[in-house]
Amino acid sequence: MEELLSILNDRHPDIDFTTREHLIDEAVLDSMDIVSMVQEIAETFDVTITARDIKPENFNSAKALYALIQRLQDEE
């Protein structure tokens, strides 16, 4: 989780990603953030994030995003 929080904090150091939810719903993360994060997450966690994985509920919080990463790691 620390690596993920580092990725998120690199983009928005002013946000507390440990407690903040609704990152997509409240426009904290935009499409450019997501596109750049997908590549970095894929490299950092050795997972493949497909287009079907890129949906708001998977990116609305660090917790949801980490759950996606764990699911993808389990599938590989």
PDB file of N, CA and C in Angstrom:
ATOM      1  N   MET A   1       0.823  -1.195   0.000  1.00  0.00           N
ATOM      2  CA  MET A   1       0.000   0.000   0.000  1.00  0.00           C
ATOM      3  C   MET A   1       0.870   1.263   0.000  1.00  0.00           C
ATOM      4  N   GLU A   2       2.031   1.189   0.656  1.00  0.00           N
ATOM      5  CA  GLU A   2       2.909   2.372   0.721  1.00  0.00           C
ATOM      6  C   GLU A   2       3.357   2.815  -0.663  1.00  0.00           C
ATOM      7  N   GLU A   3       3.657   1.850  -1.537  1.00  0.00           N
ATOM      8  CA  GLU A   3       4.072   2.198  -2.900  1.00  0.00           C
ATOM      9  C   GLU A   3       2.936   2.895  -3.645  1.00  0.00           C
ATOM     10  N   LEU A   4       1.726   2.413  -3.462  1.00  0.00           N
ATOM     11  CA  LEU A   4       0.571   3.034  -4.104  1.00  0.00           C
ATOM     12  C   LEU A   4       0.368   4.447  -3.583  1.00  0.00           C
ATOM     13  N   LEU A   5       0.447   4.627  -2.280  1.00  0.00           N
ATOM     14  CA  LEU A   5       0.284   5.966  -1.705  1.00  0.00           C
ATOM     15  C   LEU A   5       1.364   6.908  -2.223  1.00  0.00           C
ATOM     16  N   SER A   6       2.544   6.403  -2.436  1.00  0.00           N
ATOM     17  CA  SER A   6       3.617   7.222  -2.998  1.00  0.00           C
ATOM     18  C   SER A   6       3.274   7.676  -4.413  1.00  0.00           C
ATOM     19  N   ILE A   7       2.742   6.773  -5.217  1.00  0.00           N
ATOM     20  CA  ILE A   7       2.332   7.113  -6.583  1.00  0.00           C
ATOM     21  C   ILE A   7       1.255   8.200  -6.554  1.00  0.00           C
ATOM     22  N   LEU A   8       0.272   8.029  -5.682  1.00  0.00           N
ATOM     23  CA  LEU A   8      -0.810   9.014  -5.575  1.00  0.00           C
ATOM     24  C   LEU A   8      -0.301  10.354  -5.055  1.00  0.00           C
ATOM     25  N   ASN A   9       0.545  10.306  -4.046  1.00  0.00           N
ATOM     26  CA  ASN A   9       1.071  11.545  -3.462  1.00  0.00           C
ATOM     27  C   ASN A   9       1.969  12.312  -4.417  1.00  0.00           C
ATOM     28  N   ASP A  10       2.621  11.616  -5.328  1.00  0.00           N
ATOM     29  CA  ASP A  10       3.433  12.291  -6.338  1.00  0.00           C
ATOM     30  C   ASP A  10       2.576  13.201  -7.209  1.00  0.00           C
ATOM     31  N   ARG A  11       1.333  12.811  -7.434  1.00  0.00           N
ATOM     32  CA  ARG A  11       0.438  13.598  -8.274  1.00  0.00           C
ATOM     33  C   ARG A  11      -0.267  14.710  -7.502  1.00  0.00           C
ATOM     34  N   HIS A  12      -0.649  14.408  -6.278  1.00  0.00           N
ATOM     35  CA  HIS A  12      -1.408  15.371  -5.468  1.00  0.00           C
ATOM     36  C   HIS A  12      -0.931  15.314  -4.012  1.00  0.00           C
ATOM     37  N   PRO A  13       0.194  15.937  -3.713  1.00  0.00           N
ATOM     38  CA  PRO A  13       0.736  15.866  -2.348  1.00  0.00           C
ATOM     39  C   PRO A  13      -0.147  16.530  -1.290  1.00  0.00           C
ATOM     40  N   ASP A  14      -1.101  17.331  -1.712  1.00  0.00           N
ATOM     41  CA  ASP A  14      -1.980  18.034  -0.785  1.00  0.00           C
ATOM     42  C   ASP A  14      -3.179  17.195  -0.335  1.00  0.00           C
ATOM     43  N   ILE A  15      -3.335  15.998  -0.875  1.00  0.00           N
ATOM     44  CA  ILE A  15      -4.484  15.140  -0.560  1.00  0.00           C
ATOM     45  C   ILE A  15      -4.044  14.016   0.389  1.00  0.00           C
ATOM     46  N   ASP A  16      -4.858  13.739   1.406  1.00  0.00           N
ATOM     47  CA  ASP A  16      -4.599  12.610   2.297  1.00  0.00           C
ATOM     48  C   ASP A  16      -5.301  11.380   1.719  1.00  0.00           C
ATOM     49  N   PHE A  17      -4.562  10.605   0.954  1.00  0.00           N
ATOM     50  CA  PHE A  17      -5.141   9.455   0.280  1.00  0.00           C
ATOM     51  C   PHE A  17      -5.461   8.303   1.220  1.00  0.00           C
ATOM     52  N   THR A  18      -4.968   8.349   2.433  1.00  0.00           N
ATOM     53  CA  THR A  18      -5.284   7.280   3.381  1.00  0.00           C
ATOM     54  C   THR A  18      -6.726   7.372   3.870  1.00  0.00           C
ATOM     55  N   THR A  19      -7.290   8.560   3.854  1.00  0.00           N
ATOM     56  CA  THR A  19      -8.659   8.734   4.346  1.00  0.00           C
ATOM     57  C   THR A  19      -9.627   9.238   3.277  1.00  0.00           C
ATOM     58  N   ARG A  20      -9.118   9.833   2.235  1.00  0.00           N
ATOM     59  CA  ARG A  20      -9.980  10.455   1.214  1.00  0.00           C
ATOM     60  C   ARG A  20     -10.633   9.401   0.339  1.00  0.00           C
ATOM     61  N   GLU A  21     -11.912   9.559   0.120  1.00  0.00           N
ATOM     62  CA  GLU A  21     -12.670   8.700  -0.778  1.00  0.00           C
ATOM     63  C   GLU A  21     -13.314   9.571  -1.838  1.00  0.00           C
ATOM     64  N   HIS A  22     -13.916   8.971  -2.822  1.00  0.00           N
ATOM     65  CA  HIS A  22     -14.606   9.690  -3.899  1.00  0.00           C
ATOM     66  C   HIS A  22     -13.637  10.516  -4.751  1.00  0.00           C
ATOM     67  N   LEU A  23     -12.460   9.945  -5.000  1.00  0.00           N
ATOM     68  CA  LEU A  23     -11.433  10.660  -5.757  1.00  0.00           C
ATOM     69  C   LEU A  23     -11.887  10.990  -7.172  1.00  0.00           C
ATOM     70  N   ILE A  24     -12.656  10.116  -7.768  1.00  0.00           N
ATOM     71  CA  ILE A  24     -13.184  10.361  -9.110  1.00  0.00           C
ATOM     72  C   ILE A  24     -14.432  11.229  -9.016  1.00  0.00           C
ATOM     73  N   ASP A  25     -15.344  10.855  -8.124  1.00  0.00           N
ATOM     74  CA  ASP A  25     -16.613  11.572  -7.985  1.00  0.00           C
ATOM     75  C   ASP A  25     -16.405  13.049  -7.662  1.00  0.00           C
ATOM     76  N   GLU A  26     -15.361  13.353  -6.886  1.00  0.00           N
ATOM     77  CA  GLU A  26     -15.094  14.740  -6.491  1.00  0.00           C
ATOM     78  C   GLU A  26     -14.002  15.388  -7.347  1.00  0.00           C
ATOM     79  N   ALA A  27     -13.647  14.726  -8.457  1.00  0.00           N
ATOM     80  CA  ALA A  27     -12.680  15.242  -9.432  1.00  0.00           C
ATOM     81  C   ALA A  27     -11.301  15.537  -8.834  1.00  0.00           C
ATOM     82  N   VAL A  28     -10.914  14.757  -7.840  1.00  0.00           N
ATOM     83  CA  VAL A  28      -9.555  14.863  -7.311  1.00  0.00           C
ATOM     84  C   VAL A  28      -8.593  14.287  -8.349  1.00  0.00           C
ATOM     85  N   LEU A  29      -8.971  13.131  -8.903  1.00  0.00           N
ATOM     86  CA  LEU A  29      -8.210  12.526  -9.989  1.00  0.00           C
ATOM     87  C   LEU A  29      -8.953  12.742 -11.293  1.00  0.00           C
ATOM     88  N   ASP A  30      -8.215  13.154 -12.317  1.00  0.00           N
ATOM     89  CA  ASP A  30      -8.835  13.315 -13.629  1.00  0.00           C
ATOM     90  C   ASP A  30      -8.312  12.243 -14.578  1.00  0.00           C
ATOM     91  N   SER A  31      -8.767  12.276 -15.806  1.00  0.00           N
ATOM     92  CA  SER A  31      -8.398  11.234 -16.763  1.00  0.00           C
ATOM     93  C   SER A  31      -6.895  11.195 -17.027  1.00  0.00           C
ATOM     94  N   MET A  32      -6.242  12.329 -17.022  1.00  0.00           N
ATOM     95  CA  MET A  32      -4.795  12.359 -17.234  1.00  0.00           C
ATOM     96  C   MET A  32      -4.068  11.692 -16.062  1.00  0.00           C
ATOM     97  N   ASP A  33      -4.541  11.922 -14.843  1.00  0.00           N
ATOM     98  CA  ASP A  33      -3.961  11.254 -13.675  1.00  0.00           C
ATOM     99  C   ASP A  33      -4.078   9.738 -13.831  1.00  0.00           C
ATOM    100  N   ILE A  34      -5.245   9.295 -14.221  1.00  0.00           N
ATOM    101  CA  ILE A  34      -5.501   7.861 -14.322  1.00  0.00           C
ATOM    102  C   ILE A  34      -4.625   7.229 -15.403  1.00  0.00           C
ATOM    103  N   VAL A  35      -4.542   7.875 -16.553  1.00  0.00           N
ATOM    104  CA  VAL A  35      -3.718   7.332 -17.641  1.00  0.00           C
ATOM    105  C   VAL A  35      -2.266   7.186 -17.202  1.00  0.00           C
ATOM    106  N   SER A  36      -1.726   8.194 -16.562  1.00  0.00           N
ATOM    107  CA  SER A  36      -0.330   8.118 -16.136  1.00  0.00           C
ATOM    108  C   SER A  36      -0.150   7.130 -14.981  1.00  0.00           C
ATOM    109  N   MET A  37      -1.126   7.039 -14.107  1.00  0.00           N
ATOM    110  CA  MET A  37      -1.037   6.113 -12.982  1.00  0.00           C
ATOM    111  C   MET A  37      -1.119   4.663 -13.433  1.00  0.00           C
ATOM    112  N   VAL A  38      -1.926   4.373 -14.429  1.00  0.00           N
ATOM    113  CA  VAL A  38      -2.086   2.998 -14.902  1.00  0.00           C
ATOM    114  C   VAL A  38      -0.735   2.423 -15.304  1.00  0.00           C
ATOM    115  N   GLN A  39       0.039   3.174 -16.060  1.00  0.00           N
ATOM    116  CA  GLN A  39       1.354   2.703 -16.486  1.00  0.00           C
ATOM    117  C   GLN A  39       2.290   2.506 -15.295  1.00  0.00           C
ATOM    118  N   GLU A  40       2.309   3.479 -14.400  1.00  0.00           N
ATOM    119  CA  GLU A  40       3.205   3.380 -13.242  1.00  0.00           C
ATOM    120  C   GLU A  40       2.808   2.234 -12.314  1.00  0.00           C
ATOM    121  N   ILE A  41       1.523   2.063 -12.102  1.00  0.00           N
ATOM    122  CA  ILE A  41       1.035   0.963 -11.261  1.00  0.00           C
ATOM    123  C   ILE A  41       1.373  -0.377 -11.902  1.00  0.00           C
ATOM    124  N   ALA A  42       1.180  -0.471 -13.210  1.00  0.00           N
ATOM    125  CA  ALA A  42       1.490  -1.713 -13.922  1.00  0.00           C
ATOM    126  C   ALA A  42       2.958  -2.089 -13.744  1.00  0.00           C
ATOM    127  N   GLU A  43       3.837  -1.120 -13.865  1.00  0.00           N
ATOM    128  CA  GLU A  43       5.270  -1.378 -13.723  1.00  0.00           C
ATOM    129  C   GLU A  43       5.654  -1.674 -12.269  1.00  0.00           C
ATOM    130  N   THR A  44       5.114  -0.897 -11.355  1.00  0.00           N
ATOM    131  CA  THR A  44       5.468  -1.054  -9.941  1.00  0.00           C
ATOM    132  C   THR A  44       4.986  -2.375  -9.359  1.00  0.00           C
ATOM    133  N   PHE A  45       3.759  -2.759  -9.705  1.00  0.00           N
ATOM    134  CA  PHE A  45       3.142  -3.939  -9.097  1.00  0.00           C
ATOM    135  C   PHE A  45       3.130  -5.157 -10.029  1.00  0.00           C
ATOM    136  N   ASP A  46       3.688  -5.008 -11.226  1.00  0.00           N
ATOM    137  CA  ASP A  46       3.760  -6.094 -12.202  1.00  0.00           C
ATOM    138  C   ASP A  46       2.375  -6.684 -12.474  1.00  0.00           C
ATOM    139  N   VAL A  47       1.444  -5.804 -12.823  1.00  0.00           N
ATOM    140  CA  VAL A  47       0.081  -6.211 -13.177  1.00  0.00           C
ATOM    141  C   VAL A  47      -0.281  -5.591 -14.524  1.00  0.00           C
ATOM    142  N   THR A  48      -1.317  -6.120 -15.130  1.00  0.00           N
ATOM    143  CA  THR A  48      -1.850  -5.559 -16.361  1.00  0.00           C
ATOM    144  C   THR A  48      -3.232  -5.003 -16.069  1.00  0.00           C
ATOM    145  N   ILE A  49      -3.373  -3.703 -16.235  1.00  0.00           N
ATOM    146  CA  ILE A  49      -4.666  -3.052 -16.041  1.00  0.00           C
ATOM    147  C   ILE A  49      -5.282  -2.852 -17.415  1.00  0.00           C
ATOM    148  N   THR A  50      -6.409  -3.507 -17.641  1.00  0.00           N
ATOM    149  CA  THR A  50      -7.075  -3.431 -18.939  1.00  0.00           C
ATOM    150  C   THR A  50      -8.137  -2.331 -18.926  1.00  0.00           C
ATOM    151  N   ALA A  51      -8.670  -2.059 -20.095  1.00  0.00           N
ATOM    152  CA  ALA A  51      -9.713  -1.037 -20.216  1.00  0.00           C
ATOM    153  C   ALA A  51     -10.922  -1.366 -19.344  1.00  0.00           C
ATOM    154  N   ARG A  52     -11.221  -2.647 -19.194  1.00  0.00           N
ATOM    155  CA  ARG A  52     -12.387  -3.012 -18.366  1.00  0.00           C
ATOM    156  C   ARG A  52     -12.161  -2.727 -16.878  1.00  0.00           C
ATOM    157  N   ASP A  53     -10.888  -2.605 -16.474  1.00  0.00           N
ATOM    158  CA  ASP A  53     -10.555  -2.296 -15.084  1.00  0.00           C
ATOM    159  C   ASP A  53     -10.611  -0.805 -14.787  1.00  0.00           C
ATOM    160  N   ILE A  54     -10.581   0.001 -15.845  1.00  0.00           N
ATOM    161  CA  ILE A  54     -10.544   1.453 -15.656  1.00  0.00           C
ATOM    162  C   ILE A  54     -11.974   1.969 -15.572  1.00  0.00           C
ATOM    163  N   LYS A  55     -12.481   1.910 -14.353  1.00  0.00           N
ATOM    164  CA  LYS A  55     -13.824   2.416 -14.079  1.00  0.00           C
ATOM    165  C   LYS A  55     -13.791   3.133 -12.738  1.00  0.00           C
ATOM    166  N   PRO A  56     -14.683   4.079 -12.548  1.00  0.00           N
ATOM    167  CA  PRO A  56     -14.629   4.932 -11.354  1.00  0.00           C
ATOM    168  C   PRO A  56     -14.531   4.187 -10.029  1.00  0.00           C
ATOM    169  N   GLU A  57     -15.260   3.113  -9.873  1.00  0.00           N
ATOM    170  CA  GLU A  57     -15.241   2.424  -8.582  1.00  0.00           C
ATOM    171  C   GLU A  57     -13.867   1.837  -8.245  1.00  0.00           C
ATOM    172  N   ASN A  58     -13.039   1.580  -9.235  1.00  0.00           N
ATOM    173  CA  ASN A  58     -11.697   1.062  -8.970  1.00  0.00           C
ATOM    174  C   ASN A  58     -10.685   2.158  -8.632  1.00  0.00           C
ATOM    175  N   PHE A  59     -11.032   3.412  -8.910  1.00  0.00           N
ATOM    176  CA  PHE A  59     -10.107   4.515  -8.696  1.00  0.00           C
ATOM    177  C   PHE A  59     -10.643   5.564  -7.716  1.00  0.00           C
ATOM    178  N   ASN A  60     -11.749   5.282  -7.059  1.00  0.00           N
ATOM    179  CA  ASN A  60     -12.386   6.266  -6.187  1.00  0.00           C
ATOM    180  C   ASN A  60     -11.685   6.442  -4.843  1.00  0.00           C
ATOM    181  N   SER A  61     -10.812   5.495  -4.478  1.00  0.00           N
ATOM    182  CA  SER A  61     -10.045   5.627  -3.238  1.00  0.00           C
ATOM    183  C   SER A  61      -8.783   4.790  -3.362  1.00  0.00           C
ATOM    184  N   ALA A  62      -7.824   5.082  -2.527  1.00  0.00           N
ATOM    185  CA  ALA A  62      -6.595   4.283  -2.511  1.00  0.00           C
ATOM    186  C   ALA A  62      -6.925   2.845  -2.135  1.00  0.00           C
ATOM    187  N   LYS A  63      -7.859   2.679  -1.234  1.00  0.00           N
ATOM    188  CA  LYS A  63      -8.264   1.340  -0.800  1.00  0.00           C
ATOM    189  C   LYS A  63      -8.852   0.540  -1.969  1.00  0.00           C
ATOM    190  N   ALA A  64      -9.713   1.166  -2.760  1.00  0.00           N
ATOM    191  CA  ALA A  64     -10.312   0.495  -3.917  1.00  0.00           C
ATOM    192  C   ALA A  64      -9.249   0.176  -4.969  1.00  0.00           C
ATOM    193  N   LEU A  65      -8.347   1.097  -5.179  1.00  0.00           N
ATOM    194  CA  LEU A  65      -7.290   0.889  -6.147  1.00  0.00           C
ATOM    195  C   LEU A  65      -6.351  -0.236  -5.699  1.00  0.00           C
ATOM    196  N   TYR A  66      -6.053  -0.276  -4.425  1.00  0.00           N
ATOM    197  CA  TYR A  66      -5.204  -1.345  -3.901  1.00  0.00           C
ATOM    198  C   TYR A  66      -5.906  -2.704  -4.010  1.00  0.00           C
ATOM    199  N   ALA A  67      -7.205  -2.727  -3.795  1.00  0.00           N
ATOM    200  CA  ALA A  67      -7.973  -3.967  -3.953  1.00  0.00           C
ATOM    201  C   ALA A  67      -7.905  -4.440  -5.409  1.00  0.00           C
ATOM    202  N   LEU A  68      -7.969  -3.517  -6.357  1.00  0.00           N
ATOM    203  CA  LEU A  68      -7.838  -3.867  -7.768  1.00  0.00           C
ATOM    204  C   LEU A  68      -6.456  -4.480  -8.023  1.00  0.00           C
ATOM    205  N   ILE A  69      -5.430  -3.852  -7.512  1.00  0.00           N
ATOM    206  CA  ILE A  69      -4.065  -4.347  -7.703  1.00  0.00           C
ATOM    207  C   ILE A  69      -3.936  -5.762  -7.135  1.00  0.00           C
ATOM    208  N   GLN A  70      -4.444  -5.963  -5.933  1.00  0.00           N
ATOM    209  CA  GLN A  70      -4.359  -7.293  -5.316  1.00  0.00           C
ATOM    210  C   GLN A  70      -5.122  -8.342  -6.141  1.00  0.00           C
ATOM    211  N   ARG A  71      -6.280  -7.972  -6.640  1.00  0.00           N
ATOM    212  CA  ARG A  71      -7.062  -8.894  -7.466  1.00  0.00           C
ATOM    213  C   ARG A  71      -6.288  -9.252  -8.734  1.00  0.00           C
ATOM    214  N   LEU A  72      -5.699  -8.245  -9.371  1.00  0.00           N
ATOM    215  CA  LEU A  72      -4.935  -8.493 -10.586  1.00  0.00           C
ATOM    216  C   LEU A  72      -3.701  -9.356 -10.320  1.00  0.00           C
ATOM    217  N   GLN A  73      -3.058  -9.141  -9.200  1.00  0.00           N
ATOM    218  CA  GLN A  73      -1.893  -9.962  -8.835  1.00  0.00           C
ATOM    219  C   GLN A  73      -2.315 -11.409  -8.594  1.00  0.00           C
ATOM    220  N   ASP A  74      -3.474 -11.608  -7.995  1.00  0.00           N
ATOM    221  CA  ASP A  74      -3.965 -12.961  -7.742  1.00  0.00           C
ATOM    222  C   ASP A  74      -4.317 -13.681  -9.036  1.00  0.00           C
ATOM    223  N   GLU A  75      -4.749 -12.917 -10.050  1.00  0.00           N
ATOM    224  CA  GLU A  75      -5.155 -13.519 -11.328  1.00  0.00           C
ATOM    225  C   GLU A  75      -3.955 -13.930 -12.160  1.00  0.00           C
ATOM    226  N   GLU A  76      -2.803 -13.308 -11.930  1.00  0.00           N
ATOM    227  CA  GLU A  76      -1.635 -13.592 -12.777  1.00  0.00           C
ATOM    228  C   GLU A  76      -0.826 -14.741 -12.275  1.00  0.00           C
TER     229      GLU A  76
END
